Amino acid sequence: MATLGIPANTIAVLQKYDFNFQKKFGQNFLIDTSVLDRIIAASEITKEDMVLEIGPGIGTMTQYLCEAAREVVAVEIDKNLIPILEDTLSAYDNVTVINQDILKVDINKLAEERNGGRPIKVVANLPYYITTPIIMGLFESHVPLDSITIMVQKEVADRMQVGPGTKDYGALSLAVQYYAKPEIIANVPPNCFMPRPKVGSAVIKLNRYEQPPVQVEDEALMFRIIRASFNQRRKTLANGLKNGGIPVTKEELVEILGKMGLTENIRGEALTLEQFADLANNIKNLKH
């Protein structure tokens, strides 16, 4: 089977099927074998593993995953790519291609049926517009996950791993760091893709925590507080929470912040994950 990570082979497949890139699906195919090697190495896939690949495209990375894993399930939204994948993956009997929107797939059920409920590994080259909903969907639905190794826009990778007080810090940073330990594996310039994107990309690996690094009594409440405090970044935390419908009066909040050693004018972007957990626990306990 021709390795698709080599540009000429990718071009040949696209021409054979007269394939047109879909802007709405944010399609950029990887054409650099050294980047593919790094993704596979970083994801630490073994013959024990079931891998879920999101957005296989023409099967470039899927071929590598099939070589490394016990089983690969690849979910592709673009029906025009399905006949191409049947062709490029014809040499492998350990891959299933599902033509569906990943946000509508019951991944828990897949893990149960294909992997006996054991943690799966997720690998993906994600289009920019859907990165956050996919990652949050994987974490929040409590899919049994070992790790997520993904190619994303560089600034999104940065956002996932920064701390308080930086301009990139936000709800995504906190959510990712609550569920997983993020590590940037490689920066990938635009010329490694076809068509060439306008921005740089990065491969980031999220190693799922067995237990979150902070203790929080009501996870959903904490994330509501986090979202409310970043919805209007320039506002103080107190005003953000008031507008975000969090069940706490200004007086109660000032008192809680005081107990935490914080001033009432503090902004959400100054709080650590631990402080958000603490704040959520305090608000929860007010109501009891």
C-alpha atoms as a PDB file:
ATOM      1  CA  MET A   1       0.000   0.000   0.000  1.00  0.00           C
ATOM      2  CA  ALA A   2       1.412   3.415  -0.932  1.00  0.00           C
ATOM      3  CA  THR A   3       2.242   5.478   2.154  1.00  0.00           C
ATOM      4  CA  LEU A   4       0.062   8.561   2.013  1.00  0.00           C
ATOM      5  CA  GLY A   5       2.389  10.697   4.130  1.00  0.00           C
ATOM      6  CA  ILE A   6       4.428  11.161   0.939  1.00  0.00           C
ATOM      7  CA  PRO A   7       2.992  14.173  -0.968  1.00  0.00           C
ATOM      8  CA  ALA A   8       3.056  12.549  -4.415  1.00  0.00           C
ATOM      9  CA  ASN A   9       0.953   9.641  -3.150  1.00  0.00           C
ATOM     10  CA  THR A  10      -1.580  11.986  -1.571  1.00  0.00           C
ATOM     11  CA  ILE A  11      -1.879  13.943  -4.827  1.00  0.00           C
ATOM     12  CA  ALA A  12      -2.331  10.702  -6.783  1.00  0.00           C
ATOM     13  CA  VAL A  13      -5.206   9.587  -4.544  1.00  0.00           C
ATOM     14  CA  LEU A  14      -6.911  13.002  -4.684  1.00  0.00           C
ATOM     15  CA  GLN A  15      -6.657  13.019  -8.475  1.00  0.00           C
ATOM     16  CA  LYS A  16      -7.848   9.435  -8.837  1.00  0.00           C
ATOM     17  CA  TYR A  17     -11.056  10.295  -6.969  1.00  0.00           C
ATOM     18  CA  ASP A  18     -11.307  13.845  -8.249  1.00  0.00           C
ATOM     19  CA  PHE A  19     -11.583  14.956  -4.632  1.00  0.00           C
ATOM     20  CA  ASN A  20     -12.491  18.533  -3.729  1.00  0.00           C
ATOM     21  CA  PHE A  21     -11.487  19.946  -0.361  1.00  0.00           C
ATOM     22  CA  GLN A  22     -14.454  21.050   1.725  1.00  0.00           C
ATOM     23  CA  LYS A  23     -13.919  24.341   3.480  1.00  0.00           C
ATOM     24  CA  LYS A  24     -16.804  23.640   5.869  1.00  0.00           C
ATOM     25  CA  PHE A  25     -14.987  20.542   7.184  1.00  0.00           C
ATOM     26  CA  GLY A  26     -11.675  22.381   7.602  1.00  0.00           C
ATOM     27  CA  GLN A  27      -9.802  19.724   5.621  1.00  0.00           C
ATOM     28  CA  ASN A  28      -6.000  19.862   5.670  1.00  0.00           C
ATOM     29  CA  PHE A  29      -4.223  16.563   5.030  1.00  0.00           C
ATOM     30  CA  LEU A  30      -0.850  15.882   6.600  1.00  0.00           C
ATOM     31  CA  ILE A  31       1.946  15.256   4.082  1.00  0.00           C
ATOM     32  CA  ASP A  32       4.973  14.806   6.312  1.00  0.00           C
ATOM     33  CA  THR A  33       6.038  11.344   7.412  1.00  0.00           C
ATOM     34  CA  SER A  34       8.300  12.621  10.203  1.00  0.00           C
ATOM     35  CA  VAL A  35       5.330  14.387  11.837  1.00  0.00           C
ATOM     36  CA  LEU A  36       3.276  11.198  11.489  1.00  0.00           C
ATOM     37  CA  ASP A  37       6.061   9.225  13.167  1.00  0.00           C
ATOM     38  CA  ARG A  38       6.120  11.693  16.050  1.00  0.00           C
ATOM     39  CA  ILE A  39       2.351  11.502  16.559  1.00  0.00           C
ATOM     40  CA  ILE A  40       2.439   7.703  16.635  1.00  0.00           C
ATOM     41  CA  ALA A  41       5.419   7.684  19.025  1.00  0.00           C
ATOM     42  CA  ALA A  42       3.798  10.253  21.336  1.00  0.00           C
ATOM     43  CA  SER A  43       0.503   8.391  21.487  1.00  0.00           C
ATOM     44  CA  GLU A  44       2.361   5.275  22.754  1.00  0.00           C
ATOM     45  CA  ILE A  45       0.004   2.916  20.959  1.00  0.00           C
ATOM     46  CA  THR A  46       0.579  -0.804  21.411  1.00  0.00           C
ATOM     47  CA  LYS A  47      -0.996  -3.964  19.998  1.00  0.00           C
ATOM     48  CA  GLU A  48      -3.216  -4.015  23.108  1.00  0.00           C
ATOM     49  CA  ASP A  49      -4.887  -0.745  22.179  1.00  0.00           C
ATOM     50  CA  MET A  50      -8.095   0.290  20.531  1.00  0.00           C
ATOM     51  CA  VAL A  51      -7.671   3.682  18.908  1.00  0.00           C
ATOM     52  CA  LEU A  52     -10.422   6.101  17.975  1.00  0.00           C
ATOM     53  CA  GLU A  53      -9.353   8.355  15.135  1.00  0.00           C
ATOM     54  CA  ILE A  54     -11.415  11.465  14.518  1.00  0.00           C
ATOM     55  CA  GLY A  55     -11.340  12.790  10.957  1.00  0.00           C
ATOM     56  CA  PRO A  56      -9.133  10.272   9.116  1.00  0.00           C
ATOM     57  CA  GLY A  57      -9.369  12.243   5.846  1.00  0.00           C
ATOM     58  CA  ILE A  58      -7.903  10.036   3.123  1.00  0.00           C
ATOM     59  CA  GLY A  59      -6.389   7.656   5.684  1.00  0.00           C
ATOM     60  CA  THR A  60      -2.882   9.095   5.954  1.00  0.00           C
ATOM     61  CA  MET A  61      -2.507   8.664   9.705  1.00  0.00           C
ATOM     62  CA  THR A  62      -4.962   5.770   9.789  1.00  0.00           C
ATOM     63  CA  GLN A  63      -2.443   3.581   7.940  1.00  0.00           C
ATOM     64  CA  TYR A  64       0.135   4.278  10.659  1.00  0.00           C
ATOM     65  CA  LEU A  65      -2.422   3.625  13.401  1.00  0.00           C
ATOM     66  CA  CYS A  66      -3.442   0.295  11.846  1.00  0.00           C
ATOM     67  CA  GLU A  67       0.205  -0.806  11.913  1.00  0.00           C
ATOM     68  CA  ALA A  68       0.565   0.115  15.594  1.00  0.00           C
ATOM     69  CA  ALA A  69      -2.788  -0.740  17.222  1.00  0.00           C
ATOM     70  CA  ARG A  70      -4.906  -3.813  17.760  1.00  0.00           C
ATOM     71  CA  GLU A  71      -7.971  -2.088  16.365  1.00  0.00           C
ATOM     72  CA  VAL A  72      -8.761   1.311  14.858  1.00  0.00           C
ATOM     73  CA  VAL A  73     -12.182   2.938  14.597  1.00  0.00           C
ATOM     74  CA  ALA A  74     -12.063   5.973  12.311  1.00  0.00           C
ATOM     75  CA  VAL A  75     -14.963   8.433  12.305  1.00  0.00           C
ATOM     76  CA  GLU A  76     -15.225  10.581   9.178  1.00  0.00           C
ATOM     77  CA  ILE A  77     -18.002  13.137   8.577  1.00  0.00           C
ATOM     78  CA  ASP A  78     -17.409  13.667   4.821  1.00  0.00           C
ATOM     79  CA  LYS A  79     -19.172  10.934   2.833  1.00  0.00           C
ATOM     80  CA  ASN A  80     -17.022  11.739  -0.223  1.00  0.00           C
ATOM     81  CA  LEU A  81     -14.015  10.369   1.656  1.00  0.00           C
ATOM     82  CA  ILE A  82     -15.576   6.975   2.421  1.00  0.00           C
ATOM     83  CA  PRO A  83     -14.768   5.304  -0.947  1.00  0.00           C
ATOM     84  CA  ILE A  84     -11.236   6.736  -0.762  1.00  0.00           C
ATOM     85  CA  LEU A  85     -10.748   5.260   2.729  1.00  0.00           C
ATOM     86  CA  GLU A  86     -12.019   1.869   1.549  1.00  0.00           C
ATOM     87  CA  ASP A  87      -9.276   1.985  -1.066  1.00  0.00           C
ATOM     88  CA  THR A  88      -6.373   3.406   0.992  1.00  0.00           C
ATOM     89  CA  LEU A  89      -7.106   1.102   3.954  1.00  0.00           C
ATOM     90  CA  SER A  90      -7.867  -2.037   1.949  1.00  0.00           C
ATOM     91  CA  ALA A  91      -4.677  -3.709   3.168  1.00  0.00           C
ATOM     92  CA  TYR A  92      -5.839  -3.629   6.810  1.00  0.00           C
ATOM     93  CA  ASP A  93      -8.412  -5.866   8.475  1.00  0.00           C
ATOM     94  CA  ASN A  94      -8.227  -4.118  11.868  1.00  0.00           C
ATOM     95  CA  VAL A  95      -9.996  -0.884  10.918  1.00  0.00           C
ATOM     96  CA  THR A  96     -13.648   0.187  10.888  1.00  0.00           C
ATOM     97  CA  VAL A  97     -14.669   3.430   9.198  1.00  0.00           C
ATOM     98  CA  ILE A  98     -17.833   5.133  10.447  1.00  0.00           C
ATOM     99  CA  ASN A  99     -19.362   7.896   8.318  1.00  0.00           C
ATOM    100  CA  GLN A 100     -20.788  10.111  11.040  1.00  0.00           C
ATOM    101  CA  ASP A 101     -20.356  13.346  12.959  1.00  0.00           C
ATOM    102  CA  ILE A 102     -18.128  12.500  15.946  1.00  0.00           C
ATOM    103  CA  LEU A 103     -20.299  14.673  18.209  1.00  0.00           C
ATOM    104  CA  LYS A 104     -23.200  12.271  17.553  1.00  0.00           C
ATOM    105  CA  VAL A 105     -21.274   9.017  18.055  1.00  0.00           C
ATOM    106  CA  ASP A 106     -21.825   7.079  21.292  1.00  0.00           C
ATOM    107  CA  ILE A 107     -18.157   6.640  22.162  1.00  0.00           C
ATOM    108  CA  ASN A 108     -18.926   4.974  25.500  1.00  0.00           C
ATOM    109  CA  LYS A 109     -20.790   2.266  23.609  1.00  0.00           C
ATOM    110  CA  LEU A 110     -17.887   1.879  21.151  1.00  0.00           C
ATOM    111  CA  ALA A 111     -15.408   1.472  24.002  1.00  0.00           C
ATOM    112  CA  GLU A 112     -17.699  -1.041  25.664  1.00  0.00           C
ATOM    113  CA  GLU A 113     -18.215  -3.130  22.509  1.00  0.00           C
ATOM    114  CA  ARG A 114     -14.738  -2.911  21.014  1.00  0.00           C
ATOM    115  CA  ASN A 115     -12.520  -2.628  24.075  1.00  0.00           C
ATOM    116  CA  GLY A 116     -14.436  -4.259  26.925  1.00  0.00           C
ATOM    117  CA  GLY A 117     -14.922  -0.834  28.523  1.00  0.00           C
ATOM    118  CA  ARG A 118     -11.166  -0.362  28.977  1.00  0.00           C
ATOM    119  CA  PRO A 119      -9.695   3.079  28.273  1.00  0.00           C
ATOM    120  CA  ILE A 120      -9.233   3.884  24.599  1.00  0.00           C
ATOM    121  CA  LYS A 121      -6.691   6.183  22.987  1.00  0.00           C
ATOM    122  CA  VAL A 122      -7.875   9.012  20.782  1.00  0.00           C
ATOM    123  CA  VAL A 123      -5.755  10.363  17.928  1.00  0.00           C
ATOM    124  CA  ALA A 124      -6.894  13.141  15.613  1.00  0.00           C
ATOM    125  CA  ASN A 125      -5.937  15.911  13.247  1.00  0.00           C
ATOM    126  CA  LEU A 126      -8.734  18.280  14.242  1.00  0.00           C
ATOM    127  CA  PRO A 127     -10.186  21.145  12.240  1.00  0.00           C
ATOM    128  CA  TYR A 128      -9.969  24.381  14.157  1.00  0.00           C
ATOM    129  CA  TYR A 129     -13.673  25.179  14.368  1.00  0.00           C
ATOM    130  CA  ILE A 130     -14.597  22.000  16.207  1.00  0.00           C
ATOM    131  CA  THR A 131     -11.590  21.335  18.447  1.00  0.00           C
ATOM    132  CA  THR A 132     -13.151  22.575  21.689  1.00  0.00           C
ATOM    133  CA  PRO A 133     -16.542  20.831  21.397  1.00  0.00           C
ATOM    134  CA  ILE A 134     -14.840  17.525  20.540  1.00  0.00           C
ATOM    135  CA  ILE A 135     -12.371  17.645  23.416  1.00  0.00           C
ATOM    136  CA  MET A 136     -14.989  18.811  25.902  1.00  0.00           C
ATOM    137  CA  GLY A 137     -17.398  16.161  24.633  1.00  0.00           C
ATOM    138  CA  LEU A 138     -14.817  13.432  25.212  1.00  0.00           C
ATOM    139  CA  PHE A 139     -14.042  14.610  28.742  1.00  0.00           C
ATOM    140  CA  GLU A 140     -17.511  15.574  29.908  1.00  0.00           C
ATOM    141  CA  SER A 141     -19.205  12.386  28.749  1.00  0.00           C
ATOM    142  CA  HIS A 142     -16.673  10.488  30.883  1.00  0.00           C
ATOM    143  CA  VAL A 143     -15.646   8.209  28.041  1.00  0.00           C
ATOM    144  CA  PRO A 144     -13.004   5.737  29.286  1.00  0.00           C
ATOM    145  CA  LEU A 145      -9.916   7.493  27.943  1.00  0.00           C
ATOM    146  CA  ASP A 146      -6.251   6.863  28.337  1.00  0.00           C
ATOM    147  CA  SER A 147      -5.000   9.795  26.297  1.00  0.00           C
ATOM    148  CA  ILE A 148      -5.867  12.151  23.454  1.00  0.00           C
ATOM    149  CA  THR A 149      -3.085  12.970  20.982  1.00  0.00           C
ATOM    150  CA  ILE A 150      -4.226  15.671  18.606  1.00  0.00           C
ATOM    151  CA  MET A 151      -3.047  18.067  15.975  1.00  0.00           C
ATOM    152  CA  VAL A 152      -4.668  21.454  16.520  1.00  0.00           C
ATOM    153  CA  GLN A 153      -4.096  25.070  15.640  1.00  0.00           C
ATOM    154  CA  LYS A 154      -0.988  26.265  17.493  1.00  0.00           C
ATOM    155  CA  GLU A 155      -2.810  28.926  19.509  1.00  0.00           C
ATOM    156  CA  VAL A 156      -5.348  26.350  20.711  1.00  0.00           C
ATOM    157  CA  ALA A 157      -2.545  24.053  21.879  1.00  0.00           C
ATOM    158  CA  ASP A 158      -1.023  27.021  23.753  1.00  0.00           C
ATOM    159  CA  ARG A 159      -4.394  27.807  25.320  1.00  0.00           C
ATOM    160  CA  MET A 160      -4.720  24.266  26.653  1.00  0.00           C
ATOM    161  CA  GLN A 161      -1.566  24.434  28.701  1.00  0.00           C
ATOM    162  CA  VAL A 162      -1.227  28.018  29.984  1.00  0.00           C
ATOM    163  CA  GLY A 163      -1.837  29.236  33.530  1.00  0.00           C
ATOM    164  CA  PRO A 164      -3.589  32.239  35.130  1.00  0.00           C
ATOM    165  CA  GLY A 165      -2.846  35.817  34.149  1.00  0.00           C
ATOM    166  CA  THR A 166      -1.974  35.101  30.495  1.00  0.00           C
ATOM    167  CA  LYS A 167      -4.190  36.292  27.654  1.00  0.00           C
ATOM    168  CA  ASP A 168      -4.674  32.738  26.331  1.00  0.00           C
ATOM    169  CA  TYR A 169      -5.883  31.454  29.701  1.00  0.00           C
ATOM    170  CA  GLY A 170      -9.578  30.652  29.704  1.00  0.00           C
ATOM    171  CA  ALA A 171     -12.310  28.071  30.118  1.00  0.00           C
ATOM    172  CA  LEU A 172     -10.576  25.636  27.738  1.00  0.00           C
ATOM    173  CA  SER A 173      -7.281  25.808  29.691  1.00  0.00           C
ATOM    174  CA  LEU A 174      -9.070  25.043  32.955  1.00  0.00           C
ATOM    175  CA  ALA A 175     -11.218  22.252  31.548  1.00  0.00           C
ATOM    176  CA  VAL A 176      -8.295  20.496  29.898  1.00  0.00           C
ATOM    177  CA  GLN A 177      -6.121  20.846  33.015  1.00  0.00           C
ATOM    178  CA  TYR A 178      -8.900  19.532  35.252  1.00  0.00           C
ATOM    179  CA  TYR A 179      -9.204  16.331  33.233  1.00  0.00           C
ATOM    180  CA  ALA A 180      -5.722  15.800  31.831  1.00  0.00           C
ATOM    181  CA  LYS A 181      -2.073  16.736  31.840  1.00  0.00           C
ATOM    182  CA  PRO A 182      -1.313  18.592  28.578  1.00  0.00           C
ATOM    183  CA  GLU A 183       2.056  18.332  26.838  1.00  0.00           C
ATOM    184  CA  ILE A 184       2.994  19.905  23.504  1.00  0.00           C
ATOM    185  CA  ILE A 185       4.829  17.288  21.436  1.00  0.00           C
ATOM    186  CA  ALA A 186       5.691  19.179  18.245  1.00  0.00           C
ATOM    187  CA  ASN A 187       5.068  22.401  16.393  1.00  0.00           C
ATOM    188  CA  VAL A 188       4.008  21.774  12.798  1.00  0.00           C
ATOM    189  CA  PRO A 189       4.403  24.489  10.130  1.00  0.00           C
ATOM    190  CA  PRO A 190       1.762  25.052   7.394  1.00  0.00           C
ATOM    191  CA  ASN A 191       3.904  23.423   4.664  1.00  0.00           C
ATOM    192  CA  CYS A 192       3.337  19.998   6.258  1.00  0.00           C
ATOM    193  CA  PHE A 193      -0.266  20.054   5.030  1.00  0.00           C
ATOM    194  CA  MET A 194      -2.214  20.005   1.814  1.00  0.00           C
ATOM    195  CA  PRO A 195      -3.861  22.425   1.250  1.00  0.00           C
ATOM    196  CA  ARG A 196      -1.601  24.646   3.308  1.00  0.00           C
ATOM    197  CA  PRO A 197      -3.425  26.258   6.256  1.00  0.00           C
ATOM    198  CA  LYS A 198      -2.916  29.939   7.069  1.00  0.00           C
ATOM    199  CA  VAL A 199      -1.722  29.235  10.611  1.00  0.00           C
ATOM    200  CA  GLY A 200       0.798  27.007  12.363  1.00  0.00           C
ATOM    201  CA  SER A 201      -0.332  23.828  14.093  1.00  0.00           C
ATOM    202  CA  ALA A 202       0.886  21.812  17.050  1.00  0.00           C
ATOM    203  CA  VAL A 203       0.578  18.246  18.263  1.00  0.00           C
ATOM    204  CA  ILE A 204      -0.531  18.149  21.886  1.00  0.00           C
ATOM    205  CA  LYS A 205      -1.017  15.097  24.070  1.00  0.00           C
ATOM    206  CA  LEU A 206      -3.546  15.100  26.888  1.00  0.00           C
ATOM    207  CA  ASN A 207      -2.889  12.345  29.421  1.00  0.00           C
ATOM    208  CA  ARG A 208      -6.123  11.685  31.284  1.00  0.00           C
ATOM    209  CA  TYR A 209      -5.903  11.907  35.078  1.00  0.00           C
ATOM    210  CA  GLU A 210      -7.301   8.980  37.036  1.00  0.00           C
ATOM    211  CA  GLN A 211      -8.381  11.507  39.646  1.00  0.00           C
ATOM    212  CA  PRO A 212      -8.702  15.232  38.929  1.00  0.00           C
ATOM    213  CA  PRO A 213      -5.924  17.289  40.584  1.00  0.00           C
ATOM    214  CA  VAL A 214      -8.470  19.289  42.616  1.00  0.00           C
ATOM    215  CA  GLN A 215     -11.375  18.183  44.807  1.00  0.00           C
ATOM    216  CA  VAL A 216     -14.693  19.641  43.738  1.00  0.00           C
ATOM    217  CA  GLU A 217     -18.110  18.611  45.042  1.00  0.00           C
ATOM    218  CA  ASP A 218     -20.097  19.762  42.012  1.00  0.00           C
ATOM    219  CA  GLU A 219     -18.190  19.592  38.740  1.00  0.00           C
ATOM    220  CA  ALA A 220     -21.030  21.099  36.692  1.00  0.00           C
ATOM    221  CA  LEU A 221     -21.278  24.095  39.031  1.00  0.00           C
ATOM    222  CA  MET A 222     -17.528  24.694  38.833  1.00  0.00           C
ATOM    223  CA  PHE A 223     -17.641  24.753  35.025  1.00  0.00           C
ATOM    224  CA  ARG A 224     -20.641  27.092  35.068  1.00  0.00           C
ATOM    225  CA  ILE A 225     -18.638  29.448  37.300  1.00  0.00           C
ATOM    226  CA  ILE A 226     -15.600  29.174  35.025  1.00  0.00           C
ATOM    227  CA  ARG A 227     -17.648  29.885  31.903  1.00  0.00           C
ATOM    228  CA  ALA A 228     -19.436  32.815  33.548  1.00  0.00           C
ATOM    229  CA  SER A 229     -16.169  34.352  34.716  1.00  0.00           C
ATOM    230  CA  PHE A 230     -14.597  34.224  31.231  1.00  0.00           C
ATOM    231  CA  ASN A 231     -17.691  35.193  29.230  1.00  0.00           C
ATOM    232  CA  GLN A 232     -16.896  38.835  29.794  1.00  0.00           C
ATOM    233  CA  ARG A 233     -13.197  38.853  30.501  1.00  0.00           C
ATOM    234  CA  ARG A 234     -12.936  42.536  31.343  1.00  0.00           C
ATOM    235  CA  LYS A 235     -15.538  42.307  34.091  1.00  0.00           C
ATOM    236  CA  THR A 236     -14.705  41.471  37.685  1.00  0.00           C
ATOM    237  CA  LEU A 237     -15.425  37.937  38.816  1.00  0.00           C
ATOM    238  CA  ALA A 238     -18.331  39.222  40.944  1.00  0.00           C
ATOM    239  CA  ASN A 239     -20.065  40.891  37.978  1.00  0.00           C
ATOM    240  CA  GLY A 240     -19.368  37.938  35.678  1.00  0.00           C
ATOM    241  CA  LEU A 241     -21.008  35.515  38.101  1.00  0.00           C
ATOM    242  CA  LYS A 242     -23.995  37.814  38.615  1.00  0.00           C
ATOM    243  CA  ASN A 243     -24.593  37.978  34.846  1.00  0.00           C
ATOM    244  CA  GLY A 244     -23.924  34.248  34.466  1.00  0.00           C
ATOM    245  CA  GLY A 245     -26.824  33.292  36.714  1.00  0.00           C
ATOM    246  CA  ILE A 246     -24.672  31.703  39.433  1.00  0.00           C
ATOM    247  CA  PRO A 247     -26.799  31.323  42.607  1.00  0.00           C
ATOM    248  CA  VAL A 248     -24.874  33.687  44.870  1.00  0.00           C
ATOM    249  CA  THR A 249     -25.452  37.308  45.944  1.00  0.00           C
ATOM    250  CA  LYS A 250     -22.754  39.942  45.649  1.00  0.00           C
ATOM    251  CA  GLU A 251     -22.457  40.101  49.467  1.00  0.00           C
ATOM    252  CA  GLU A 252     -22.084  36.328  49.761  1.00  0.00           C
ATOM    253  CA  LEU A 253     -19.463  36.302  47.041  1.00  0.00           C
ATOM    254  CA  VAL A 254     -17.453  39.122  48.614  1.00  0.00           C
ATOM    255  CA  GLU A 255     -17.480  37.196  51.871  1.00  0.00           C
ATOM    256  CA  ILE A 256     -16.346  33.955  50.186  1.00  0.00           C
ATOM    257  CA  LEU A 257     -13.572  35.752  48.270  1.00  0.00           C
ATOM    258  CA  GLY A 258     -12.449  37.399  51.502  1.00  0.00           C
ATOM    259  CA  LYS A 259     -12.240  33.992  53.196  1.00  0.00           C
ATOM    260  CA  MET A 260     -10.133  32.817  50.234  1.00  0.00           C
ATOM    261  CA  GLY A 261      -7.837  35.828  50.652  1.00  0.00           C
ATOM    262  CA  LEU A 262      -9.011  37.444  47.383  1.00  0.00           C
ATOM    263  CA  THR A 263     -10.315  40.958  46.779  1.00  0.00           C
ATOM    264  CA  GLU A 264     -13.805  41.648  45.436  1.00  0.00           C
ATOM    265  CA  ASN A 265     -12.347  43.303  42.318  1.00  0.00           C
ATOM    266  CA  ILE A 266     -10.452  40.237  41.189  1.00  0.00           C
ATOM    267  CA  ARG A 267     -11.037  38.970  37.645  1.00  0.00           C
ATOM    268  CA  GLY A 268     -11.663  35.353  36.754  1.00  0.00           C
ATOM    269  CA  GLU A 269      -8.475  35.162  34.703  1.00  0.00           C
ATOM    270  CA  ALA A 270      -6.421  35.579  37.895  1.00  0.00           C
ATOM    271  CA  LEU A 271      -7.785  32.425  39.575  1.00  0.00           C
ATOM    272  CA  THR A 272      -6.089  29.030  39.475  1.00  0.00           C
ATOM    273  CA  LEU A 273      -7.979  25.783  38.918  1.00  0.00           C
ATOM    274  CA  GLU A 274      -7.664  25.107  42.642  1.00  0.00           C
ATOM    275  CA  GLN A 275      -9.238  28.478  43.484  1.00  0.00           C
ATOM    276  CA  PHE A 276     -12.130  27.846  41.097  1.00  0.00           C
ATOM    277  CA  ALA A 277     -12.723  24.474  42.780  1.00  0.00           C
ATOM    278  CA  ASP A 278     -12.579  26.166  46.188  1.00  0.00           C
ATOM    279  CA  LEU A 279     -15.012  28.866  45.043  1.00  0.00           C
ATOM    280  CA  ALA A 280     -17.440  26.259  43.671  1.00  0.00           C
ATOM    281  CA  ASN A 281     -17.310  24.290  46.927  1.00  0.00           C
ATOM    282  CA  ASN A 282     -17.957  27.439  48.965  1.00  0.00           C
ATOM    283  CA  ILE A 283     -20.944  28.467  46.795  1.00  0.00           C
ATOM    284  CA  LYS A 284     -22.337  24.936  46.949  1.00  0.00           C
ATOM    285  CA  ASN A 285     -22.054  24.888  50.747  1.00  0.00           C
ATOM    286  CA  LEU A 286     -23.868  28.227  51.053  1.00  0.00           C
ATOM    287  CA  LYS A 287     -26.992  26.577  49.749  1.00  0.00           C
ATOM    288  CA  HIS A 288     -26.972  23.789  52.314  1.00  0.00           C
END
